[in-house]
């Protein structure tokens, strides 16, 4: 079986959480920034993600990370880096 690419990982993670209610309150937002770059906000309340397990790897990739109330925000230079960072974070969440 081939490994999933970042987009497929994000799609699978999102689909596995959709239950008719979760997707109306939580989720993922990706947007461009003006410096230029990309920002993703993951509202991961209800998920037990392990930021410590991947934080060093993300920092080495040049990803800026901030934690907020129940979520994580990442800042990157390119969209590809942003998608990869999200996929790395998602990999730390136990499968449902």
PDB file of N, CA and C in Angstrom:
ATOM      1  N   UNK A   1       0.847  -1.188   0.000  1.00  0.00           N
ATOM      2  CA  UNK A   1       0.000   0.000   0.000  1.00  0.00           C
ATOM      3  C   UNK A   1       0.888   1.245   0.000  1.00  0.00           C
ATOM      4  N   UNK A   2       0.559   2.198  -0.814  1.00  0.00           N
ATOM      5  CA  UNK A   2       1.330   3.432  -0.893  1.00  0.00           C
ATOM      6  C   UNK A   2       0.993   4.350   0.268  1.00  0.00           C
ATOM      7  N   UNK A   3       1.996   5.092   0.713  1.00  0.00           N
ATOM      8  CA  UNK A   3       1.763   6.082   1.770  1.00  0.00           C
ATOM      9  C   UNK A   3       0.885   7.194   1.206  1.00  0.00           C
ATOM     10  N   UNK A   4       0.053   7.734   2.062  1.00  0.00           N
ATOM     11  CA  UNK A   4      -0.815   8.824   1.642  1.00  0.00           C
ATOM     12  C   UNK A   4      -0.017  10.115   1.520  1.00  0.00           C
ATOM     13  N   UNK A   5      -0.358  10.933   0.533  1.00  0.00           N
ATOM     14  CA  UNK A   5       0.272  12.246   0.438  1.00  0.00           C
ATOM     15  C   UNK A   5      -0.407  13.162   1.452  1.00  0.00           C
ATOM     16  N   UNK A   6       0.161  14.356   1.707  1.00  0.00           N
ATOM     17  CA  UNK A   6      -0.407  15.241   2.730  1.00  0.00           C
ATOM     18  C   UNK A   6      -1.882  15.580   2.518  1.00  0.00           C
ATOM     19  N   UNK A   7      -2.293  15.823   1.295  1.00  0.00           N
ATOM     20  CA  UNK A   7      -3.691  16.170   1.043  1.00  0.00           C
ATOM     21  C   UNK A   7      -4.597  14.990   1.407  1.00  0.00           C
ATOM     22  N   UNK A   8      -4.201  13.781   1.026  1.00  0.00           N
ATOM     23  CA  UNK A   8      -5.000  12.600   1.357  1.00  0.00           C
ATOM     24  C   UNK A   8      -5.068  12.372   2.866  1.00  0.00           C
ATOM     25  N   UNK A   9      -3.962  12.601   3.569  1.00  0.00           N
ATOM     26  CA  UNK A   9      -3.964  12.468   5.031  1.00  0.00           C
ATOM     27  C   UNK A   9      -4.942  13.447   5.663  1.00  0.00           C
ATOM     28  N   UNK A  10      -4.916  14.699   5.187  1.00  0.00           N
ATOM     29  CA  UNK A  10      -5.809  15.729   5.726  1.00  0.00           C
ATOM     30  C   UNK A  10      -7.262  15.355   5.436  1.00  0.00           C
ATOM     31  N   UNK A  11      -7.538  14.918   4.219  1.00  0.00           N
ATOM     32  CA  UNK A  11      -8.899  14.512   3.860  1.00  0.00           C
ATOM     33  C   UNK A  11      -9.380  13.349   4.721  1.00  0.00           C
ATOM     34  N   UNK A  12      -8.529  12.342   4.925  1.00  0.00           N
ATOM     35  CA  UNK A  12      -8.905  11.187   5.742  1.00  0.00           C
ATOM     36  C   UNK A  12      -9.148  11.590   7.190  1.00  0.00           C
ATOM     37  N   UNK A  13      -8.265  12.441   7.727  1.00  0.00           N
ATOM     38  CA  UNK A  13      -8.431  12.910   9.110  1.00  0.00           C
ATOM     39  C   UNK A  13      -9.760  13.649   9.257  1.00  0.00           C
ATOM     40  N   UNK A  14     -10.020  14.562   8.333  1.00  0.00           N
ATOM     41  CA  UNK A  14     -11.258  15.344   8.405  1.00  0.00           C
ATOM     42  C   UNK A  14     -12.482  14.434   8.295  1.00  0.00           C
ATOM     43  N   UNK A  15     -12.485  13.548   7.308  1.00  0.00           N
ATOM     44  CA  UNK A  15     -13.630  12.657   7.106  1.00  0.00           C
ATOM     45  C   UNK A  15     -13.870  11.764   8.319  1.00  0.00           C
ATOM     46  N   UNK A  16     -12.790  11.346   8.982  1.00  0.00           N
ATOM     47  CA  UNK A  16     -12.948  10.456  10.137  1.00  0.00           C
ATOM     48  C   UNK A  16     -13.562  11.167  11.339  1.00  0.00           C
ATOM     49  N   UNK A  17     -13.547  12.490  11.346  1.00  0.00           N
ATOM     50  CA  UNK A  17     -14.115  13.249  12.456  1.00  0.00           C
ATOM     51  C   UNK A  17     -15.547  13.705  12.182  1.00  0.00           C
ATOM     52  N   UNK A  18     -15.917  13.794  10.910  1.00  0.00           N
ATOM     53  CA  UNK A  18     -17.247  14.287  10.551  1.00  0.00           C
ATOM     54  C   UNK A  18     -18.315  13.315  11.043  1.00  0.00           C
ATOM     55  N   UNK A  19     -19.199  13.847  11.879  1.00  0.00           N
ATOM     56  CA  UNK A  19     -20.259  13.010  12.454  1.00  0.00           C
ATOM     57  C   UNK A  19     -21.601  13.744  12.468  1.00  0.00           C
ATOM     58  N   UNK A  20     -21.702  14.815  11.714  1.00  0.00           N
ATOM     59  CA  UNK A  20     -22.923  15.595  11.697  1.00  0.00           C
ATOM     60  C   UNK A  20     -22.891  16.786  12.640  1.00  0.00           C
ATOM     61  N   UNK A  21     -21.970  16.773  13.586  1.00  0.00           N
ATOM     62  CA  UNK A  21     -21.861  17.879  14.553  1.00  0.00           C
ATOM     63  C   UNK A  21     -20.445  18.451  14.583  1.00  0.00           C
ATOM     64  N   UNK A  22     -19.438  17.575  14.654  1.00  0.00           N
ATOM     65  CA  UNK A  22     -18.042  18.015  14.801  1.00  0.00           C
ATOM     66  C   UNK A  22     -17.663  19.039  13.741  1.00  0.00           C
ATOM     67  N   UNK A  23     -17.998  18.743  12.484  1.00  0.00           N
ATOM     68  CA  UNK A  23     -17.569  19.605  11.375  1.00  0.00           C
ATOM     69  C   UNK A  23     -18.218  20.985  11.393  1.00  0.00           C
ATOM     70  N   UNK A  24     -19.243  21.167  12.209  1.00  0.00           N
ATOM     71  CA  UNK A  24     -19.889  22.478  12.326  1.00  0.00           C
ATOM     72  C   UNK A  24     -19.233  23.346  13.395  1.00  0.00           C
ATOM     73  N   UNK A  25     -18.410  22.740  14.268  1.00  0.00           N
ATOM     74  CA  UNK A  25     -17.769  23.480  15.349  1.00  0.00           C
ATOM     75  C   UNK A  25     -16.250  23.513  15.251  1.00  0.00           C
ATOM     76  N   UNK A  26     -15.663  22.478  14.674  1.00  0.00           N
ATOM     77  CA  UNK A  26     -14.214  22.326  14.692  1.00  0.00           C
ATOM     78  C   UNK A  26     -13.696  22.166  13.264  1.00  0.00           C
ATOM     79  N   UNK A  27     -12.397  21.997  13.133  1.00  0.00           N
ATOM     80  CA  UNK A  27     -11.866  21.733  11.806  1.00  0.00           C
ATOM     81  C   UNK A  27     -10.540  22.384  11.543  1.00  0.00           C
ATOM     82  N   UNK A  28     -10.357  22.758  10.298  1.00  0.00           N
ATOM     83  CA  UNK A  28      -9.089  23.235   9.784  1.00  0.00           C
ATOM     84  C   UNK A  28      -9.349  24.425   8.870  1.00  0.00           C
ATOM     85  N   UNK A  29      -8.510  25.457   9.016  1.00  0.00           N
ATOM     86  CA  UNK A  29      -8.564  26.618   8.132  1.00  0.00           C
ATOM     87  C   UNK A  29      -7.163  26.845   7.582  1.00  0.00           C
ATOM     88  N   UNK A  30      -7.061  27.027   6.279  1.00  0.00           N
ATOM     89  CA  UNK A  30      -5.789  27.338   5.623  1.00  0.00           C
ATOM     90  C   UNK A  30      -5.981  28.649   4.884  1.00  0.00           C
ATOM     91  N   UNK A  31      -5.040  29.583   5.086  1.00  0.00           N
ATOM     92  CA  UNK A  31      -5.157  30.869   4.400  1.00  0.00           C
ATOM     93  C   UNK A  31      -3.783  31.448   4.089  1.00  0.00           C
ATOM     94  N   UNK A  32      -3.761  32.317   3.110  1.00  0.00           N
ATOM     95  CA  UNK A  32      -2.514  33.007   2.767  1.00  0.00           C
ATOM     96  C   UNK A  32      -2.297  34.155   3.751  1.00  0.00           C
ATOM     97  N   UNK A  33      -1.027  34.531   3.903  1.00  0.00           N
ATOM     98  CA  UNK A  33      -0.692  35.664   4.765  1.00  0.00           C
ATOM     99  C   UNK A  33      -0.016  36.727   3.914  1.00  0.00           C
ATOM    100  N   UNK A  34       0.163  37.906   4.483  1.00  0.00           N
ATOM    101  CA  UNK A  34       0.677  39.027   3.691  1.00  0.00           C
ATOM    102  C   UNK A  34       2.189  39.198   3.761  1.00  0.00           C
ATOM    103  N   UNK A  35       2.916  38.221   4.290  1.00  0.00           N
ATOM    104  CA  UNK A  35       4.351  38.453   4.464  1.00  0.00           C
ATOM    105  C   UNK A  35       5.287  37.829   3.436  1.00  0.00           C
ATOM    106  N   UNK A  36       5.090  37.179   2.390  1.00  0.00           N
ATOM    107  CA  UNK A  36       4.005  36.261   2.080  1.00  0.00           C
ATOM    108  C   UNK A  36       4.237  34.910   2.746  1.00  0.00           C
ATOM    109  N   UNK A  37       3.218  34.141   2.837  1.00  0.00           N
ATOM    110  CA  UNK A  37       3.297  32.825   3.439  1.00  0.00           C
ATOM    111  C   UNK A  37       1.919  32.228   3.588  1.00  0.00           C
ATOM    112  N   UNK A  38       1.856  31.185   4.401  1.00  0.00           N
ATOM    113  CA  UNK A  38       0.619  30.441   4.611  1.00  0.00           C
ATOM    114  C   UNK A  38       0.434  30.168   6.086  1.00  0.00           C
ATOM    115  N   UNK A  39      -0.809  30.118   6.491  1.00  0.00           N
ATOM    116  CA  UNK A  39      -1.162  29.865   7.882  1.00  0.00           C
ATOM    117  C   UNK A  39      -2.257  28.802   7.916  1.00  0.00           C
ATOM    118  N   UNK A  40      -2.122  27.868   8.841  1.00  0.00           N
ATOM    119  CA  UNK A  40      -3.181  26.882   9.061  1.00  0.00           C
ATOM    120  C   UNK A  40      -3.537  26.890  10.532  1.00  0.00           C
ATOM    121  N   UNK A  41      -4.824  26.847  10.806  1.00  0.00           N
ATOM    122  CA  UNK A  41      -5.326  26.748  12.171  1.00  0.00           C
ATOM    123  C   UNK A  41      -6.087  25.439  12.282  1.00  0.00           C
ATOM    124  N   UNK A  42      -5.684  24.607  13.232  1.00  0.00           N
ATOM    125  CA  UNK A  42      -6.348  23.332  13.473  1.00  0.00           C
ATOM    126  C   UNK A  42      -7.007  23.390  14.831  1.00  0.00           C
ATOM    127  N   UNK A  43      -8.305  23.279  14.842  1.00  0.00           N
ATOM    128  CA  UNK A  43      -9.033  23.191  16.103  1.00  0.00           C
ATOM    129  C   UNK A  43      -9.104  21.718  16.445  1.00  0.00           C
ATOM    130  N   UNK A  44      -8.270  21.296  17.366  1.00  0.00           N
ATOM    131  CA  UNK A  44      -8.126  19.878  17.648  1.00  0.00           C
ATOM    132  C   UNK A  44      -8.714  19.495  18.999  1.00  0.00           C
ATOM    133  N   UNK A  45      -9.655  20.307  19.478  1.00  0.00           N
ATOM    134  CA  UNK A  45     -10.345  19.902  20.709  1.00  0.00           C
ATOM    135  C   UNK A  45     -11.019  18.558  20.474  1.00  0.00           C
ATOM    136  N   UNK A  46     -10.869  17.691  21.421  1.00  0.00           N
ATOM    137  CA  UNK A  46     -11.429  16.358  21.277  1.00  0.00           C
ATOM    138  C   UNK A  46     -10.447  15.364  20.699  1.00  0.00           C
ATOM    139  N   UNK A  47      -9.334  15.849  20.139  1.00  0.00           N
ATOM    140  CA  UNK A  47      -8.274  14.975  19.640  1.00  0.00           C
ATOM    141  C   UNK A  47      -7.091  15.055  20.582  1.00  0.00           C
ATOM    142  N   UNK A  48      -6.458  13.950  20.797  1.00  0.00           N
ATOM    143  CA  UNK A  48      -5.272  13.924  21.650  1.00  0.00           C
ATOM    144  C   UNK A  48      -4.031  13.921  20.755  1.00  0.00           C
ATOM    145  N   UNK A  49      -3.701  15.085  20.217  1.00  0.00           N
ATOM    146  CA  UNK A  49      -2.512  15.176  19.395  1.00  0.00           C
ATOM    147  C   UNK A  49      -1.294  15.391  20.283  1.00  0.00           C
ATOM    148  N   UNK A  50      -0.143  15.005  19.778  1.00  0.00           N
ATOM    149  CA  UNK A  50       1.092  15.053  20.553  1.00  0.00           C
ATOM    150  C   UNK A  50       2.060  16.014  19.865  1.00  0.00           C
ATOM    151  N   UNK A  51       1.910  17.286  20.154  1.00  0.00           N
ATOM    152  CA  UNK A  51       2.755  18.302  19.526  1.00  0.00           C
ATOM    153  C   UNK A  51       4.224  18.071  19.848  1.00  0.00           C
ATOM    154  N   UNK A  52       4.513  17.640  21.072  1.00  0.00           N
ATOM    155  CA  UNK A  52       5.907  17.423  21.465  1.00  0.00           C
ATOM    156  C   UNK A  52       6.579  16.368  20.583  1.00  0.00           C
ATOM    157  N   UNK A  53       5.794  15.413  20.074  1.00  0.00           N
ATOM    158  CA  UNK A  53       6.348  14.348  19.241  1.00  0.00           C
ATOM    159  C   UNK A  53       6.844  14.853  17.892  1.00  0.00           C
ATOM    160  N   UNK A  54       6.338  15.993  17.436  1.00  0.00           N
ATOM    161  CA  UNK A  54       6.716  16.476  16.108  1.00  0.00           C
ATOM    162  C   UNK A  54       7.226  17.911  16.106  1.00  0.00           C
ATOM    163  N   UNK A  55       7.233  18.571  17.253  1.00  0.00           N
ATOM    164  CA  UNK A  55       7.583  19.991  17.297  1.00  0.00           C
ATOM    165  C   UNK A  55       8.988  20.253  16.753  1.00  0.00           C
ATOM    166  N   UNK A  56       9.970  19.462  17.157  1.00  0.00           N
ATOM    167  CA  UNK A  56      11.348  19.672  16.690  1.00  0.00           C
ATOM    168  C   UNK A  56      11.428  19.511  15.175  1.00  0.00           C
ATOM    169  N   UNK A  57      10.765  18.492  14.652  1.00  0.00           N
ATOM    170  CA  UNK A  57      10.768  18.270  13.197  1.00  0.00           C
ATOM    171  C   UNK A  57      10.169  19.466  12.469  1.00  0.00           C
ATOM    172  N   UNK A  58       9.054  19.993  12.980  1.00  0.00           N
ATOM    173  CA  UNK A  58       8.423  21.149  12.339  1.00  0.00           C
ATOM    174  C   UNK A  58       9.317  22.381  12.414  1.00  0.00           C
ATOM    175  N   UNK A  59       9.943  22.601  13.547  1.00  0.00           N
ATOM    176  CA  UNK A  59      10.848  23.753  13.692  1.00  0.00           C
ATOM    177  C   UNK A  59      12.019  23.621  12.727  1.00  0.00           C
ATOM    178  N   UNK A  60      12.568  22.409  12.602  1.00  0.00           N
ATOM    179  CA  UNK A  60      13.685  22.186  11.660  1.00  0.00           C
ATOM    180  C   UNK A  60      13.251  22.454  10.221  1.00  0.00           C
ATOM    181  N   UNK A  61      11.962  22.274   9.923  1.00  0.00           N
ATOM    182  CA  UNK A  61      11.427  22.560   8.586  1.00  0.00           C
ATOM    183  C   UNK A  61      11.186  24.051   8.377  1.00  0.00           C
ATOM    184  N   UNK A  62      11.347  24.854   9.443  1.00  0.00           N
ATOM    185  CA  UNK A  62      11.110  26.287   9.336  1.00  0.00           C
ATOM    186  C   UNK A  62       9.675  26.690   9.626  1.00  0.00           C
ATOM    187  N   UNK A  63       8.912  25.787  10.226  1.00  0.00           N
ATOM    188  CA  UNK A  63       7.512  26.057  10.545  1.00  0.00           C
ATOM    189  C   UNK A  63       7.438  26.780  11.883  1.00  0.00           C
ATOM    190  N   UNK A  64       6.703  27.871  11.923  1.00  0.00           N
ATOM    191  CA  UNK A  64       6.431  28.557  13.189  1.00  0.00           C
ATOM    192  C   UNK A  64       5.142  27.978  13.751  1.00  0.00           C
ATOM    193  N   UNK A  65       5.153  27.651  15.040  1.00  0.00           N
ATOM    194  CA  UNK A  65       4.018  26.995  15.676  1.00  0.00           C
ATOM    195  C   UNK A  65       3.563  27.818  16.872  1.00  0.00           C
ATOM    196  N   UNK A  66       2.260  28.017  16.983  1.00  0.00           N
ATOM    197  CA  UNK A  66       1.701  28.598  18.202  1.00  0.00           C
ATOM    198  C   UNK A  66       0.546  27.707  18.652  1.00  0.00           C
ATOM    199  N   UNK A  67       0.460  27.532  19.951  1.00  0.00           N
ATOM    200  CA  UNK A  67      -0.653  26.777  20.531  1.00  0.00           C
ATOM    201  C   UNK A  67      -1.652  27.781  21.060  1.00  0.00           C
ATOM    202  N   UNK A  68      -2.919  27.484  20.852  1.00  0.00           N
ATOM    203  CA  UNK A  68      -3.947  28.338  21.436  1.00  0.00           C
ATOM    204  C   UNK A  68      -4.984  27.448  22.108  1.00  0.00           C
ATOM    205  N   UNK A  69      -6.062  27.998  22.487  1.00  0.00           N
ATOM    206  CA  UNK A  69      -7.081  27.295  23.253  1.00  0.00           C
ATOM    207  C   UNK A  69      -7.643  26.108  22.467  1.00  0.00           C
ATOM    208  N   UNK A  70      -7.061  24.931  22.674  1.00  0.00           N
ATOM    209  CA  UNK A  70      -7.572  23.734  22.029  1.00  0.00           C
ATOM    210  C   UNK A  70      -7.096  23.507  20.620  1.00  0.00           C
ATOM    211  N   UNK A  71      -6.143  24.286  20.172  1.00  0.00           N
ATOM    212  CA  UNK A  71      -5.705  24.109  18.801  1.00  0.00           C
ATOM    213  C   UNK A  71      -4.262  24.483  18.579  1.00  0.00           C
ATOM    214  N   UNK A  72      -3.890  24.434  17.327  1.00  0.00           N
ATOM    215  CA  UNK A  72      -2.526  24.742  16.902  1.00  0.00           C
ATOM    216  C   UNK A  72      -2.613  25.610  15.658  1.00  0.00           C
ATOM    217  N   UNK A  73      -1.698  26.547  15.561  1.00  0.00           N
ATOM    218  CA  UNK A  73      -1.580  27.388  14.367  1.00  0.00           C
ATOM    219  C   UNK A  73      -0.158  27.248  13.852  1.00  0.00           C
ATOM    220  N   UNK A  74      -0.026  27.037  12.545  1.00  0.00           N
ATOM    221  CA  UNK A  74       1.292  26.938  11.930  1.00  0.00           C
ATOM    222  C   UNK A  74       1.424  28.005  10.855  1.00  0.00           C
ATOM    223  N   UNK A  75       2.642  28.538  10.734  1.00  0.00           N
ATOM    224  CA  UNK A  75       2.963  29.535   9.712  1.00  0.00           C
ATOM    225  C   UNK A  75       4.119  28.988   8.884  1.00  0.00           C
ATOM    226  N   UNK A  76       3.977  29.032   7.560  1.00  0.00           N
ATOM    227  CA  UNK A  76       5.013  28.517   6.662  1.00  0.00           C
ATOM    228  C   UNK A  76       5.215  29.479   5.492  1.00  0.00           C
ATOM    229  N   UNK A  77       6.276  29.238   4.730  1.00  0.00           N
ATOM    230  CA  UNK A  77       6.562  30.070   3.560  1.00  0.00           C
ATOM    231  C   UNK A  77       5.756  29.639   2.335  1.00  0.00           C
ATOM    232  N   UNK A  78       5.537  28.317   2.205  1.00  0.00           N
ATOM    233  CA  UNK A  78       4.855  27.825   1.007  1.00  0.00           C
ATOM    234  C   UNK A  78       3.629  26.996   1.395  1.00  0.00           C
ATOM    235  N   UNK A  79       2.724  26.857   0.452  1.00  0.00           N
ATOM    236  CA  UNK A  79       1.539  26.034   0.676  1.00  0.00           C
ATOM    237  C   UNK A  79       1.929  24.572   0.887  1.00  0.00           C
ATOM    238  N   UNK A  80       2.899  24.090   0.125  1.00  0.00           N
ATOM    239  CA  UNK A  80       3.348  22.698   0.290  1.00  0.00           C
ATOM    240  C   UNK A  80       3.870  22.464   1.707  1.00  0.00           C
ATOM    241  N   UNK A  81       4.655  23.412   2.234  1.00  0.00           N
ATOM    242  CA  UNK A  81       5.149  23.281   3.610  1.00  0.00           C
ATOM    243  C   UNK A  81       3.994  23.272   4.598  1.00  0.00           C
ATOM    244  N   UNK A  82       2.989  24.093   4.339  1.00  0.00           N
ATOM    245  CA  UNK A  82       1.831  24.177   5.222  1.00  0.00           C
ATOM    246  C   UNK A  82       1.085  22.841   5.245  1.00  0.00           C
ATOM    247  N   UNK A  83       0.838  22.271   4.080  1.00  0.00           N
ATOM    248  CA  UNK A  83       0.143  20.989   4.001  1.00  0.00           C
ATOM    249  C   UNK A  83       0.955  19.877   4.662  1.00  0.00           C
ATOM    250  N   UNK A  84       2.272  19.894   4.459  1.00  0.00           N
ATOM    251  CA  UNK A  84       3.131  18.893   5.106  1.00  0.00           C
ATOM    252  C   UNK A  84       3.093  19.035   6.625  1.00  0.00           C
ATOM    253  N   UNK A  85       3.113  20.270   7.122  1.00  0.00           N
ATOM    254  CA  UNK A  85       3.074  20.499   8.570  1.00  0.00           C
ATOM    255  C   UNK A  85       1.763  19.982   9.164  1.00  0.00           C
ATOM    256  N   UNK A  86       0.651  20.235   8.480  1.00  0.00           N
ATOM    257  CA  UNK A  86      -0.642  19.740   8.950  1.00  0.00           C
ATOM    258  C   UNK A  86      -0.631  18.210   8.983  1.00  0.00           C
ATOM    259  N   UNK A  87      -0.118  17.601   7.925  1.00  0.00           N
ATOM    260  CA  UNK A  87      -0.077  16.137   7.854  1.00  0.00           C
ATOM    261  C   UNK A  87       0.781  15.560   8.978  1.00  0.00           C
ATOM    262  N   UNK A  88       1.880  16.209   9.301  1.00  0.00           N
ATOM    263  CA  UNK A  88       2.742  15.751  10.394  1.00  0.00           C
ATOM    264  C   UNK A  88       1.998  15.846  11.721  1.00  0.00           C
ATOM    265  N   UNK A  89       1.294  16.945  11.947  1.00  0.00           N
ATOM    266  CA  UNK A  89       0.494  17.078  13.173  1.00  0.00           C
ATOM    267  C   UNK A  89      -0.582  16.000  13.248  1.00  0.00           C
ATOM    268  N   UNK A  90      -1.261  15.773  12.153  1.00  0.00           N
ATOM    269  CA  UNK A  90      -2.335  14.782  12.118  1.00  0.00           C
ATOM    270  C   UNK A  90      -1.799  13.385  12.423  1.00  0.00           C
ATOM    271  N   UNK A  91      -0.573  13.106  11.986  1.00  0.00           N
ATOM    272  CA  UNK A  91       0.027  11.795  12.257  1.00  0.00           C
ATOM    273  C   UNK A  91       0.186  11.514  13.746  1.00  0.00           C
ATOM    274  N   UNK A  92       0.156  12.550  14.579  1.00  0.00           N
ATOM    275  CA  UNK A  92       0.314  12.331  16.026  1.00  0.00           C
ATOM    276  C   UNK A  92      -1.014  12.051  16.720  1.00  0.00           C
ATOM    277  N   UNK A  93      -2.127  12.144  15.973  1.00  0.00           N
ATOM    278  CA  UNK A  93      -3.460  11.933  16.553  1.00  0.00           C
ATOM    279  C   UNK A  93      -3.822  10.460  16.429  1.00  0.00           C
ATOM    280  N   UNK A  94      -4.254   9.833  17.524  1.00  0.00           N
ATOM    281  CA  UNK A  94      -4.680   8.427  17.416  1.00  0.00           C
ATOM    282  C   UNK A  94      -5.814   8.281  16.386  1.00  0.00           C
ATOM    283  N   UNK A  95      -5.782   7.187  15.638  1.00  0.00           N
ATOM    284  CA  UNK A  95      -6.803   6.919  14.624  1.00  0.00           C
ATOM    285  C   UNK A  95      -8.138   6.617  15.300  1.00  0.00           C
ATOM    286  N   UNK A  96      -9.213   7.017  14.658  1.00  0.00           N
ATOM    287  CA  UNK A  96     -10.575   6.708  15.166  1.00  0.00           C
ATOM    288  C   UNK A  96     -11.131   5.546  14.405  1.00  0.00           C
TER     289      UNK A  96
END
